[in-house]
Amino acid sequence: MAKNKIIDDAEDLEMLKSYKNSDFTEVEDMQAAISQMKNSASAYMSKKSRINIRLSDTDLLKIKRKAAEDGMPYQTLIAGILHKYVTGQVVIR
């Protein structure tokens, strides 16, 4: 953890307190634990949900054109844009 990081989350504070108090226990089979965590993360991230959204005909047509230019389905383009936005890779001006 960075020395100057500001801790503003109750969960972070609890973890830091546990760390300082040596409350952690060693995992017996580290490789199995890592594998289990990777599988859980993969399963969580692969879940897909359907949504319905209303767009103007003009916007949808423009999205479909952009997607066709990039050689992908328009739904994939929309999902990619939303993913980039929620992960902070795209900022709305």
Protein backbone atom coordinates (compact mmCIF):
# COMPACT_ATOMS: atom_id res chain seq x y z
CA MET A 1 0.00 0.00 0.00
CA ALA A 2 1.28 3.48 -0.87
CA LYS A 3 2.46 5.49 2.10
CA ASN A 4 0.45 8.60 1.28
CA LYS A 5 -2.78 6.91 0.22
CA ILE A 6 -5.82 8.45 1.83
CA ILE A 7 -8.04 5.76 3.29
CA ASP A 8 -11.65 6.83 2.93
CA ASP A 9 -13.47 3.53 2.97
CA ALA A 10 -14.64 1.64 6.06
CA GLU A 11 -13.58 -1.66 4.48
CA ASP A 12 -10.08 -0.28 3.83
CA LEU A 13 -9.84 0.89 7.43
CA GLU A 14 -10.92 -2.50 8.76
CA MET A 15 -8.40 -4.30 6.55
CA LEU A 16 -5.59 -1.95 7.62
CA LYS A 17 -6.52 -2.50 11.28
CA SER A 18 -6.47 -6.30 10.78
CA TYR A 19 -3.11 -6.07 9.02
CA LYS A 20 -1.57 -4.03 11.83
CA ASN A 21 -2.95 -6.46 14.42
CA SER A 22 -1.66 -9.50 12.46
CA ASP A 23 -5.19 -10.91 12.30
CA PHE A 24 -4.54 -12.70 9.00
CA THR A 25 -4.00 -16.44 8.81
CA GLU A 26 -1.90 -18.33 6.29
CA VAL A 27 -3.64 -20.22 3.50
CA GLU A 28 -2.68 -23.90 3.51
CA ASP A 29 -2.82 -24.44 -0.26
CA MET A 30 -2.05 -21.09 -1.87
CA GLN A 31 -2.27 -22.39 -5.47
CA ALA A 32 -5.72 -23.88 -4.83
CA ALA A 33 -6.89 -20.63 -3.23
CA ILE A 34 -5.58 -18.57 -6.14
CA SER A 35 -7.23 -20.92 -8.63
CA GLN A 36 -10.54 -20.72 -6.77
CA MET A 37 -10.41 -16.90 -6.69
CA LYS A 38 -9.59 -16.73 -10.40
CA ASN A 39 -12.50 -19.03 -11.22
CA SER A 40 -14.87 -17.00 -9.07
CA ALA A 41 -13.75 -13.72 -10.66
CA SER A 42 -14.04 -15.19 -14.14
CA ALA A 43 -17.54 -16.50 -13.47
CA TYR A 44 -18.62 -13.14 -12.02
CA MET A 45 -17.23 -11.16 -14.94
CA SER A 46 -18.69 -13.46 -17.59
CA LYS A 47 -22.28 -13.00 -16.46
CA LYS A 48 -24.27 -11.17 -19.09
CA SER A 49 -27.46 -9.26 -18.47
CA ARG A 50 -29.96 -8.00 -20.96
CA ILE A 51 -31.24 -4.46 -20.87
CA ASN A 52 -33.75 -2.52 -22.91
CA ILE A 53 -32.87 1.02 -23.86
CA ARG A 54 -34.63 3.59 -26.00
CA LEU A 55 -32.51 5.56 -28.45
CA SER A 56 -33.46 8.03 -31.11
CA ASP A 57 -33.64 6.51 -34.59
CA THR A 58 -30.85 8.86 -35.70
CA ASP A 59 -28.51 7.84 -32.86
CA LEU A 60 -29.15 4.14 -33.44
CA LEU A 61 -28.47 4.53 -37.16
CA LYS A 62 -25.17 6.32 -36.41
CA ILE A 63 -24.18 3.62 -33.92
CA LYS A 64 -24.97 0.90 -36.45
CA ARG A 65 -22.87 2.67 -39.08
CA LYS A 66 -19.91 3.04 -36.70
CA ALA A 67 -20.18 -0.61 -35.73
CA ALA A 68 -20.30 -1.68 -39.38
CA GLU A 69 -17.20 0.43 -40.10
CA ASP A 70 -15.43 -1.39 -37.24
CA GLY A 71 -16.77 -4.78 -38.36
CA MET A 72 -18.71 -5.58 -35.21
CA PRO A 73 -22.32 -5.93 -34.09
CA TYR A 74 -23.80 -2.65 -32.86
CA GLN A 75 -24.70 -4.25 -29.51
CA THR A 76 -21.02 -5.09 -28.98
CA LEU A 77 -20.06 -1.49 -29.74
CA ILE A 78 -22.63 -0.15 -27.25
CA ALA A 79 -21.49 -2.63 -24.56
CA GLY A 80 -17.86 -1.66 -25.17
CA ILE A 81 -18.60 2.05 -24.87
CA LEU A 82 -20.54 1.52 -21.63
CA HIS A 83 -17.75 -0.68 -20.23
CA LYS A 84 -15.13 1.95 -21.00
CA TYR A 85 -17.29 4.62 -19.34
CA VAL A 86 -17.90 2.70 -16.10
CA THR A 87 -14.23 1.74 -15.82
CA GLY A 88 -13.16 5.37 -16.20
CA GLN A 89 -11.55 4.95 -19.62
CA VAL A 90 -14.03 7.40 -21.17
CA VAL A 91 -15.00 10.67 -19.56
CA ILE A 92 -18.01 12.68 -20.70
CA ARG A 93 -17.14 16.31 -21.28
